[in-house]
Amino acid sequence: MKELLFQVSDLVGRPGERRSVSGTMDVDLRVGESWVRGPVAAEATLEGIPDGVRARFRATASAHLVCTRCLIEWDVDLEVSEEQLYEPEPDDDGYRLGADDTIDLAGPVRDEIALAIPLRPLCQPECLGLCPTCGSDLNRDPCGGHDEPVSSPFAALQGLFDPPDH
């Protein structure tokens, strides 16, 4: 698999000089029950700046999502785009220009793909979820209710705040 490490000695210190690159990398990311596993494709435009390189990139990956309400699973394509500076002495959020004038897009690409995975994915905005009693998917098979009361350790507290009968 083609990596995202690029030689940029032709761009460093040459503001305005540009070149396009592309590559792929494997990732294994998990957020809750959802994940991205496998190849991520990235395309970037690299541009020289006085002390380094600016990379504007776009990356795509396939994500496997699990609805947080009804647990249905589906796959979706993620697409992210971002800009990253590579300098000899980067700030706290930056990436370092390699001593051999190389940049590695793997870190920023992995970070952006991870941020694109939804924290609480929903199969649809009005997902009804699962019945707390029988577990049926209320989107597909609404249950008609349940005759047996749910035994709860808090049942004794049920009438605590009811006004007294006169």
N, C-alpha and C. Protein backbone atom coordinates (compact mmCIF):
# COMPACT_ATOMS: atom_id res chain seq x y z
N MET A 1 0.84 -1.17 0.00
CA MET A 1 0.00 0.00 0.00
C MET A 1 0.89 1.24 0.00
N LYS A 2 0.58 2.19 -0.84
CA LYS A 2 1.36 3.42 -0.95
C LYS A 2 1.15 4.26 0.30
N GLU A 3 2.20 4.68 0.90
CA GLU A 3 2.13 5.47 2.14
C GLU A 3 1.95 6.95 1.82
N LEU A 4 1.84 7.73 2.87
CA LEU A 4 1.62 9.17 2.73
C LEU A 4 2.84 9.98 3.15
N LEU A 5 4.03 9.45 2.90
CA LEU A 5 5.29 10.12 3.18
C LEU A 5 5.83 10.69 1.87
N PHE A 6 6.11 12.00 1.85
CA PHE A 6 6.50 12.65 0.60
C PHE A 6 7.75 13.48 0.79
N GLN A 7 8.63 13.42 -0.19
CA GLN A 7 9.84 14.24 -0.25
C GLN A 7 9.42 15.62 -0.77
N VAL A 8 9.82 16.70 -0.05
CA VAL A 8 9.37 18.04 -0.42
C VAL A 8 10.53 19.04 -0.53
N SER A 9 11.75 18.56 -0.72
CA SER A 9 12.90 19.47 -0.79
C SER A 9 12.76 20.45 -1.95
N ASP A 10 12.00 20.09 -2.98
CA ASP A 10 11.79 20.99 -4.12
C ASP A 10 10.81 22.12 -3.79
N LEU A 11 10.12 22.05 -2.65
CA LEU A 11 9.11 23.05 -2.29
C LEU A 11 9.52 23.93 -1.11
N VAL A 12 10.34 23.41 -0.21
CA VAL A 12 10.72 24.15 1.01
C VAL A 12 11.48 25.42 0.62
N GLY A 13 11.01 26.54 1.17
CA GLY A 13 11.67 27.82 0.89
C GLY A 13 11.34 28.40 -0.47
N ARG A 14 10.37 27.84 -1.14
CA ARG A 14 9.95 28.33 -2.46
C ARG A 14 8.46 28.65 -2.44
N PRO A 15 8.11 29.77 -1.84
CA PRO A 15 6.68 30.12 -1.74
C PRO A 15 6.01 30.15 -3.11
N GLY A 16 4.84 29.55 -3.16
CA GLY A 16 4.06 29.53 -4.39
C GLY A 16 4.29 28.30 -5.26
N GLU A 17 5.42 27.60 -5.09
CA GLU A 17 5.66 26.37 -5.85
C GLU A 17 4.68 25.31 -5.36
N ARG A 18 4.06 24.58 -6.30
CA ARG A 18 3.04 23.58 -5.93
C ARG A 18 3.25 22.28 -6.67
N ARG A 19 2.70 21.25 -6.02
CA ARG A 19 2.71 19.92 -6.65
C ARG A 19 1.60 19.10 -6.02
N SER A 20 1.00 18.24 -6.82
CA SER A 20 -0.07 17.35 -6.34
C SER A 20 0.51 15.97 -6.06
N VAL A 21 0.00 15.35 -5.00
CA VAL A 21 0.44 14.00 -4.63
C VAL A 21 -0.80 13.21 -4.20
N SER A 22 -0.65 11.90 -4.14
CA SER A 22 -1.74 11.05 -3.65
C SER A 22 -1.13 9.78 -3.06
N GLY A 23 -1.93 9.13 -2.25
CA GLY A 23 -1.49 7.88 -1.64
C GLY A 23 -2.59 7.27 -0.81
N THR A 24 -2.30 6.12 -0.24
CA THR A 24 -3.26 5.43 0.61
C THR A 24 -2.55 4.95 1.87
N MET A 25 -3.34 4.72 2.88
CA MET A 25 -2.81 4.16 4.12
C MET A 25 -3.89 3.30 4.75
N ASP A 26 -3.49 2.35 5.57
CA ASP A 26 -4.44 1.53 6.32
C ASP A 26 -4.68 2.17 7.68
N VAL A 27 -5.94 2.14 8.12
CA VAL A 27 -6.28 2.64 9.46
C VAL A 27 -7.13 1.60 10.17
N ASP A 28 -7.13 1.70 11.48
CA ASP A 28 -8.00 0.89 12.33
C ASP A 28 -8.44 1.80 13.47
N LEU A 29 -9.57 2.48 13.28
CA LEU A 29 -10.07 3.46 14.24
C LEU A 29 -11.43 3.01 14.74
N ARG A 30 -11.68 3.23 16.03
CA ARG A 30 -12.97 2.88 16.62
C ARG A 30 -13.47 4.03 17.48
N VAL A 31 -14.74 4.39 17.31
CA VAL A 31 -15.40 5.38 18.15
C VAL A 31 -16.71 4.74 18.59
N GLY A 32 -16.79 4.40 19.87
CA GLY A 32 -17.97 3.67 20.36
C GLY A 32 -18.06 2.33 19.66
N GLU A 33 -19.21 2.05 19.08
CA GLU A 33 -19.41 0.80 18.34
C GLU A 33 -19.14 0.96 16.85
N SER A 34 -18.85 2.17 16.40
CA SER A 34 -18.59 2.44 14.99
C SER A 34 -17.10 2.41 14.73
N TRP A 35 -16.73 2.13 13.45
CA TRP A 35 -15.31 2.02 13.15
C TRP A 35 -15.00 2.30 11.68
N VAL A 36 -13.73 2.62 11.45
CA VAL A 36 -13.15 2.70 10.11
C VAL A 36 -11.97 1.75 10.14
N ARG A 37 -11.99 0.79 9.25
CA ARG A 37 -10.92 -0.20 9.19
C ARG A 37 -10.61 -0.45 7.72
N GLY A 38 -9.36 -0.27 7.36
CA GLY A 38 -8.97 -0.54 5.98
C GLY A 38 -8.32 0.67 5.33
N PRO A 39 -8.39 0.72 4.00
CA PRO A 39 -7.66 1.77 3.29
C PRO A 39 -8.34 3.13 3.35
N VAL A 40 -7.51 4.16 3.45
CA VAL A 40 -7.94 5.54 3.33
C VAL A 40 -7.16 6.11 2.16
N ALA A 41 -7.86 6.70 1.21
CA ALA A 41 -7.23 7.32 0.05
C ALA A 41 -7.11 8.81 0.30
N ALA A 42 -5.95 9.38 -0.02
CA ALA A 42 -5.73 10.82 0.19
C ALA A 42 -5.11 11.44 -1.05
N GLU A 43 -5.57 12.66 -1.34
CA GLU A 43 -4.99 13.49 -2.39
C GLU A 43 -4.62 14.81 -1.75
N ALA A 44 -3.49 15.37 -2.15
CA ALA A 44 -3.06 16.63 -1.54
C ALA A 44 -2.39 17.52 -2.56
N THR A 45 -2.50 18.82 -2.30
CA THR A 45 -1.71 19.81 -3.02
C THR A 45 -0.70 20.34 -2.02
N LEU A 46 0.56 20.19 -2.34
CA LEU A 46 1.64 20.65 -1.48
C LEU A 46 2.14 21.98 -2.03
N GLU A 47 2.31 22.95 -1.14
CA GLU A 47 2.74 24.28 -1.57
C GLU A 47 3.89 24.74 -0.68
N GLY A 48 4.93 25.26 -1.31
CA GLY A 48 6.06 25.77 -0.57
C GLY A 48 5.71 27.05 0.17
N ILE A 49 6.22 27.19 1.39
CA ILE A 49 6.12 28.41 2.18
C ILE A 49 7.55 28.74 2.63
N PRO A 50 7.81 29.94 3.16
CA PRO A 50 9.20 30.32 3.46
C PRO A 50 9.99 29.29 4.29
N ASP A 51 9.37 28.71 5.33
CA ASP A 51 10.14 27.78 6.17
C ASP A 51 9.62 26.35 6.13
N GLY A 52 8.79 26.02 5.17
CA GLY A 52 8.24 24.66 5.17
C GLY A 52 7.30 24.42 4.01
N VAL A 53 6.24 23.68 4.32
CA VAL A 53 5.27 23.27 3.29
C VAL A 53 3.87 23.32 3.87
N ARG A 54 2.92 23.77 3.05
CA ARG A 54 1.50 23.72 3.39
C ARG A 54 0.89 22.58 2.57
N ALA A 55 0.17 21.71 3.25
CA ALA A 55 -0.51 20.60 2.56
C ALA A 55 -2.01 20.80 2.70
N ARG A 56 -2.69 20.88 1.58
CA ARG A 56 -4.16 20.90 1.56
C ARG A 56 -4.57 19.53 1.05
N PHE A 57 -5.28 18.79 1.91
CA PHE A 57 -5.59 17.41 1.52
C PHE A 57 -7.08 17.10 1.63
N ARG A 58 -7.45 16.05 0.90
CA ARG A 58 -8.79 15.49 0.94
C ARG A 58 -8.60 13.99 1.08
N ALA A 59 -9.36 13.38 1.98
CA ALA A 59 -9.23 11.93 2.20
C ALA A 59 -10.62 11.29 2.25
N THR A 60 -10.69 10.05 1.81
CA THR A 60 -11.95 9.31 1.83
C THR A 60 -11.73 7.94 2.44
N ALA A 61 -12.76 7.47 3.16
CA ALA A 61 -12.70 6.16 3.78
C ALA A 61 -14.12 5.65 3.95
N SER A 62 -14.25 4.35 4.14
CA SER A 62 -15.55 3.74 4.40
C SER A 62 -15.67 3.48 5.90
N ALA A 63 -16.79 3.91 6.48
CA ALA A 63 -17.01 3.72 7.92
C ALA A 63 -18.18 2.77 8.13
N HIS A 64 -18.10 1.99 9.19
CA HIS A 64 -19.18 1.10 9.61
C HIS A 64 -19.80 1.73 10.86
N LEU A 65 -21.09 2.12 10.76
CA LEU A 65 -21.75 2.82 11.86
C LEU A 65 -22.80 1.93 12.50
N VAL A 66 -23.05 2.18 13.79
CA VAL A 66 -24.08 1.47 14.55
C VAL A 66 -24.95 2.52 15.22
N CYS A 67 -26.25 2.48 14.94
CA CYS A 67 -27.19 3.45 15.52
C CYS A 67 -27.19 3.31 17.04
N THR A 68 -27.07 4.43 17.74
CA THR A 68 -27.02 4.39 19.19
C THR A 68 -28.39 4.16 19.82
N ARG A 69 -29.47 4.22 19.04
CA ARG A 69 -30.80 3.99 19.59
C ARG A 69 -31.34 2.59 19.28
N CYS A 70 -31.19 2.13 18.03
CA CYS A 70 -31.80 0.85 17.65
C CYS A 70 -30.79 -0.23 17.28
N LEU A 71 -29.51 0.12 17.25
CA LEU A 71 -28.40 -0.82 16.99
C LEU A 71 -28.34 -1.35 15.57
N ILE A 72 -29.09 -0.75 14.63
CA ILE A 72 -28.96 -1.16 13.23
C ILE A 72 -27.58 -0.73 12.75
N GLU A 73 -26.99 -1.50 11.83
CA GLU A 73 -25.65 -1.23 11.33
C GLU A 73 -25.71 -0.90 9.84
N TRP A 74 -24.83 0.02 9.41
CA TRP A 74 -24.75 0.36 8.00
C TRP A 74 -23.37 0.93 7.70
N ASP A 75 -23.03 0.97 6.42
CA ASP A 75 -21.75 1.52 5.97
C ASP A 75 -22.00 2.87 5.29
N VAL A 76 -21.06 3.77 5.45
CA VAL A 76 -21.16 5.10 4.86
C VAL A 76 -19.76 5.54 4.43
N ASP A 77 -19.68 6.34 3.37
CA ASP A 77 -18.41 6.88 2.94
C ASP A 77 -18.16 8.20 3.66
N LEU A 78 -16.98 8.34 4.22
CA LEU A 78 -16.57 9.58 4.87
C LEU A 78 -15.63 10.34 3.93
N GLU A 79 -15.77 11.65 3.91
CA GLU A 79 -14.85 12.48 3.13
C GLU A 79 -14.47 13.67 4.00
N VAL A 80 -13.19 13.91 4.13
CA VAL A 80 -12.69 15.02 4.93
C VAL A 80 -11.72 15.84 4.09
N SER A 81 -11.59 17.10 4.46
CA SER A 81 -10.57 17.94 3.83
C SER A 81 -10.02 18.87 4.90
N GLU A 82 -8.75 19.18 4.78
CA GLU A 82 -8.09 19.99 5.80
C GLU A 82 -6.81 20.56 5.22
N GLU A 83 -6.22 21.46 5.98
CA GLU A 83 -4.94 22.07 5.62
C GLU A 83 -3.99 21.87 6.80
N GLN A 84 -2.75 21.55 6.51
CA GLN A 84 -1.76 21.35 7.57
C GLN A 84 -0.45 21.98 7.16
N LEU A 85 0.19 22.69 8.12
CA LEU A 85 1.50 23.28 7.89
C LEU A 85 2.57 22.35 8.45
N TYR A 86 3.67 22.24 7.73
CA TYR A 86 4.85 21.47 8.17
C TYR A 86 6.01 22.45 8.21
N GLU A 87 6.57 22.64 9.41
CA GLU A 87 7.67 23.59 9.59
C GLU A 87 8.75 22.95 10.45
N PRO A 88 9.98 23.48 10.39
CA PRO A 88 11.05 22.91 11.22
C PRO A 88 10.74 23.00 12.71
N GLU A 89 10.12 24.10 13.16
CA GLU A 89 9.74 24.29 14.56
C GLU A 89 8.24 24.59 14.61
N PRO A 90 7.39 23.57 14.57
CA PRO A 90 5.94 23.82 14.52
C PRO A 90 5.39 24.29 15.87
N ASP A 91 4.19 24.89 15.82
CA ASP A 91 3.52 25.25 17.06
C ASP A 91 2.93 23.99 17.69
N ASP A 92 2.18 24.13 18.76
CA ASP A 92 1.66 22.96 19.49
C ASP A 92 0.77 22.06 18.64
N ASP A 93 0.05 22.63 17.68
CA ASP A 93 -0.86 21.84 16.85
C ASP A 93 -0.23 21.41 15.54
N GLY A 94 0.98 21.82 15.28
CA GLY A 94 1.59 21.58 13.98
C GLY A 94 2.35 20.27 13.89
N TYR A 95 2.82 20.02 12.69
CA TYR A 95 3.62 18.83 12.41
C TYR A 95 5.00 19.30 11.94
N ARG A 96 5.98 18.53 12.30
CA ARG A 96 7.37 18.88 12.01
C ARG A 96 7.75 18.45 10.58
N LEU A 97 8.47 19.35 9.93
CA LEU A 97 9.09 19.04 8.65
C LEU A 97 10.25 18.10 8.96
N GLY A 98 10.31 16.97 8.28
CA GLY A 98 11.37 16.00 8.54
C GLY A 98 12.75 16.56 8.25
N ALA A 99 13.77 16.07 8.96
CA ALA A 99 15.14 16.53 8.77
C ALA A 99 15.61 16.31 7.34
N ASP A 100 15.06 15.31 6.69
CA ASP A 100 15.42 15.02 5.30
C ASP A 100 14.43 15.65 4.32
N ASP A 101 13.75 16.73 4.75
CA ASP A 101 12.75 17.44 3.94
C ASP A 101 11.63 16.51 3.45
N THR A 102 11.07 15.77 4.40
CA THR A 102 9.91 14.94 4.09
C THR A 102 8.75 15.37 4.98
N ILE A 103 7.54 15.11 4.50
CA ILE A 103 6.34 15.30 5.32
C ILE A 103 5.57 13.99 5.32
N ASP A 104 4.88 13.74 6.41
CA ASP A 104 4.06 12.54 6.53
C ASP A 104 2.63 13.00 6.79
N LEU A 105 1.76 12.78 5.82
CA LEU A 105 0.36 13.16 5.94
C LEU A 105 -0.46 12.16 6.76
N ALA A 106 0.14 11.04 7.16
CA ALA A 106 -0.62 9.99 7.85
C ALA A 106 -1.26 10.50 9.14
N GLY A 107 -0.54 11.28 9.95
CA GLY A 107 -1.10 11.77 11.21
C GLY A 107 -2.30 12.67 11.02
N PRO A 108 -2.18 13.74 10.22
CA PRO A 108 -3.34 14.61 10.00
C PRO A 108 -4.51 13.89 9.34
N VAL A 109 -4.24 13.00 8.40
CA VAL A 109 -5.33 12.26 7.74
C VAL A 109 -6.04 11.37 8.75
N ARG A 110 -5.29 10.64 9.56
CA ARG A 110 -5.88 9.77 10.58
C ARG A 110 -6.72 10.60 11.57
N ASP A 111 -6.18 11.75 12.00
CA ASP A 111 -6.91 12.62 12.93
C ASP A 111 -8.24 13.09 12.34
N GLU A 112 -8.23 13.54 11.12
CA GLU A 112 -9.46 14.06 10.50
C GLU A 112 -10.48 12.96 10.25
N ILE A 113 -10.03 11.78 9.86
CA ILE A 113 -10.96 10.66 9.67
C ILE A 113 -11.58 10.28 11.01
N ALA A 114 -10.78 10.24 12.07
CA ALA A 114 -11.30 9.91 13.40
C ALA A 114 -12.35 10.93 13.84
N LEU A 115 -12.10 12.21 13.58
CA LEU A 115 -13.06 13.25 13.95
C LEU A 115 -14.34 13.19 13.12
N ALA A 116 -14.28 12.59 11.94
CA ALA A 116 -15.46 12.51 11.07
C ALA A 116 -16.40 11.36 11.46
N ILE A 117 -15.92 10.43 12.28
CA ILE A 117 -16.80 9.34 12.72
C ILE A 117 -17.78 9.91 13.74
N PRO A 118 -19.08 9.81 13.48
CA PRO A 118 -20.05 10.40 14.42
C PRO A 118 -19.96 9.76 15.81
N LEU A 119 -20.07 10.59 16.85
CA LEU A 119 -20.03 10.08 18.22
C LEU A 119 -21.30 9.30 18.56
N ARG A 120 -22.43 9.76 18.08
CA ARG A 120 -23.72 9.12 18.34
C ARG A 120 -24.49 9.00 17.03
N PRO A 121 -24.10 8.05 16.18
CA PRO A 121 -24.78 7.94 14.89
C PRO A 121 -26.24 7.49 15.05
N LEU A 122 -27.10 8.05 14.22
CA LEU A 122 -28.51 7.66 14.19
C LEU A 122 -28.84 7.20 12.78
N CYS A 123 -29.59 6.09 12.69
CA CYS A 123 -29.98 5.57 11.38
C CYS A 123 -30.92 6.54 10.68
N GLN A 124 -31.70 7.28 11.45
CA GLN A 124 -32.57 8.33 10.95
C GLN A 124 -32.82 9.30 12.11
N PRO A 125 -33.05 10.57 11.82
CA PRO A 125 -33.20 11.54 12.92
C PRO A 125 -34.34 11.20 13.88
N GLU A 126 -35.40 10.58 13.40
CA GLU A 126 -36.53 10.26 14.27
C GLU A 126 -36.54 8.80 14.70
N CYS A 127 -35.37 8.19 14.82
CA CYS A 127 -35.27 6.80 15.25
C CYS A 127 -35.93 6.62 16.61
N LEU A 128 -36.78 5.59 16.72
CA LEU A 128 -37.52 5.34 17.96
C LEU A 128 -36.76 4.45 18.93
N GLY A 129 -35.73 3.78 18.47
CA GLY A 129 -34.91 2.95 19.35
C GLY A 129 -35.52 1.59 19.63
N LEU A 130 -35.11 1.00 20.75
CA LEU A 130 -35.56 -0.32 21.15
C LEU A 130 -36.52 -0.20 22.33
N CYS A 131 -37.48 -1.12 22.40
CA CYS A 131 -38.39 -1.17 23.54
C CYS A 131 -37.58 -1.55 24.78
N PRO A 132 -37.69 -0.78 25.86
CA PRO A 132 -36.91 -1.10 27.05
C PRO A 132 -37.36 -2.37 27.75
N THR A 133 -38.57 -2.86 27.42
CA THR A 133 -39.08 -4.07 28.06
C THR A 133 -38.73 -5.32 27.27
N CYS A 134 -39.09 -5.32 25.97
CA CYS A 134 -38.89 -6.55 25.19
C CYS A 134 -37.73 -6.47 24.21
N GLY A 135 -37.20 -5.27 23.97
CA GLY A 135 -36.05 -5.14 23.08
C GLY A 135 -36.38 -5.09 21.61
N SER A 136 -37.68 -5.04 21.22
CA SER A 136 -37.98 -4.98 19.79
C SER A 136 -37.63 -3.60 19.22
N ASP A 137 -37.27 -3.62 17.95
CA ASP A 137 -36.95 -2.38 17.24
C ASP A 137 -38.27 -1.66 16.98
N LEU A 138 -38.46 -0.54 17.64
CA LEU A 138 -39.72 0.19 17.54
C LEU A 138 -39.92 0.86 16.18
N ASN A 139 -38.89 0.95 15.37
CA ASN A 139 -39.01 1.49 14.02
C ASN A 139 -39.68 0.47 13.09
N ARG A 140 -39.44 -0.81 13.31
CA ARG A 140 -39.94 -1.86 12.42
C ARG A 140 -41.13 -2.62 12.99
N ASP A 141 -41.12 -2.81 14.30
CA ASP A 141 -42.14 -3.64 14.92
C ASP A 141 -42.59 -3.02 16.25
N PRO A 142 -43.44 -1.99 16.16
CA PRO A 142 -43.88 -1.37 17.41
C PRO A 142 -44.64 -2.39 18.26
N CYS A 143 -44.19 -2.58 19.46
CA CYS A 143 -44.87 -3.53 20.34
C CYS A 143 -46.10 -2.84 20.92
N GLY A 144 -47.11 -3.62 21.27
CA GLY A 144 -48.38 -3.06 21.74
C GLY A 144 -48.38 -2.75 23.22
N GLY A 145 -47.27 -2.68 23.83
CA GLY A 145 -47.21 -2.45 25.26
C GLY A 145 -47.04 -3.77 25.97
N HIS A 146 -46.91 -3.71 27.24
CA HIS A 146 -46.68 -4.92 28.01
C HIS A 146 -47.59 -4.92 29.22
N ASP A 147 -48.29 -6.05 29.42
CA ASP A 147 -49.25 -6.15 30.51
C ASP A 147 -48.56 -6.26 31.86
N GLU A 148 -47.44 -6.91 31.91
CA GLU A 148 -46.77 -7.12 33.18
C GLU A 148 -45.98 -5.88 33.56
N PRO A 149 -46.19 -5.36 34.76
CA PRO A 149 -45.40 -4.20 35.17
C PRO A 149 -43.93 -4.60 35.34
N VAL A 150 -43.09 -3.69 35.03
CA VAL A 150 -41.65 -3.94 35.15
C VAL A 150 -41.30 -3.83 36.63
N SER A 151 -40.67 -4.88 37.13
CA SER A 151 -40.26 -4.81 38.54
C SER A 151 -39.03 -3.92 38.61
N SER A 152 -39.12 -2.97 39.52
CA SER A 152 -38.04 -2.00 39.65
C SER A 152 -37.66 -1.89 41.12
N PRO A 153 -36.40 -1.72 41.41
CA PRO A 153 -35.99 -1.52 42.79
C PRO A 153 -36.52 -0.19 43.35
N PHE A 154 -37.03 0.67 42.47
CA PHE A 154 -37.56 1.96 42.90
C PHE A 154 -39.08 1.98 42.97
N ALA A 155 -39.73 0.84 42.81
CA ALA A 155 -41.19 0.78 42.81
C ALA A 155 -41.78 1.31 44.11
N ALA A 156 -41.12 1.11 45.22
CA ALA A 156 -41.63 1.58 46.52
C ALA A 156 -41.67 3.11 46.58
N LEU A 157 -40.91 3.78 45.77
CA LEU A 157 -40.85 5.23 45.79
C LEU A 157 -41.86 5.87 44.83
N GLN A 158 -42.59 5.07 44.09
CA GLN A 158 -43.45 5.56 43.02
C GLN A 158 -44.45 6.62 43.50
N GLY A 159 -45.09 6.48 44.63
CA GLY A 159 -46.09 7.43 45.09
C GLY A 159 -45.55 8.47 46.05
N LEU A 160 -44.28 8.55 46.23
CA LEU A 160 -43.66 9.42 47.22
C LEU A 160 -44.08 10.88 47.09
N PHE A 161 -44.17 11.40 45.88
CA PHE A 161 -44.49 12.80 45.69
C PHE A 161 -45.94 13.05 45.29
N ASP A 162 -46.76 12.06 45.31
CA ASP A 162 -48.18 12.24 45.01
C ASP A 162 -48.84 12.98 46.17
N PRO A 163 -49.78 13.92 45.86
CA PRO A 163 -50.47 14.62 46.96
C PRO A 163 -51.34 13.64 47.74
N PRO A 164 -51.47 13.83 49.04
CA PRO A 164 -52.28 12.92 49.84
C PRO A 164 -53.77 13.09 49.49
N ASP A 165 -54.50 11.96 49.54
CA ASP A 165 -55.94 11.97 49.29
C ASP A 165 -56.64 12.52 50.53
N HIS A 166 -57.62 13.37 50.38
CA HIS A 166 -58.37 13.94 51.52
C HIS A 166 -59.67 13.27 51.66
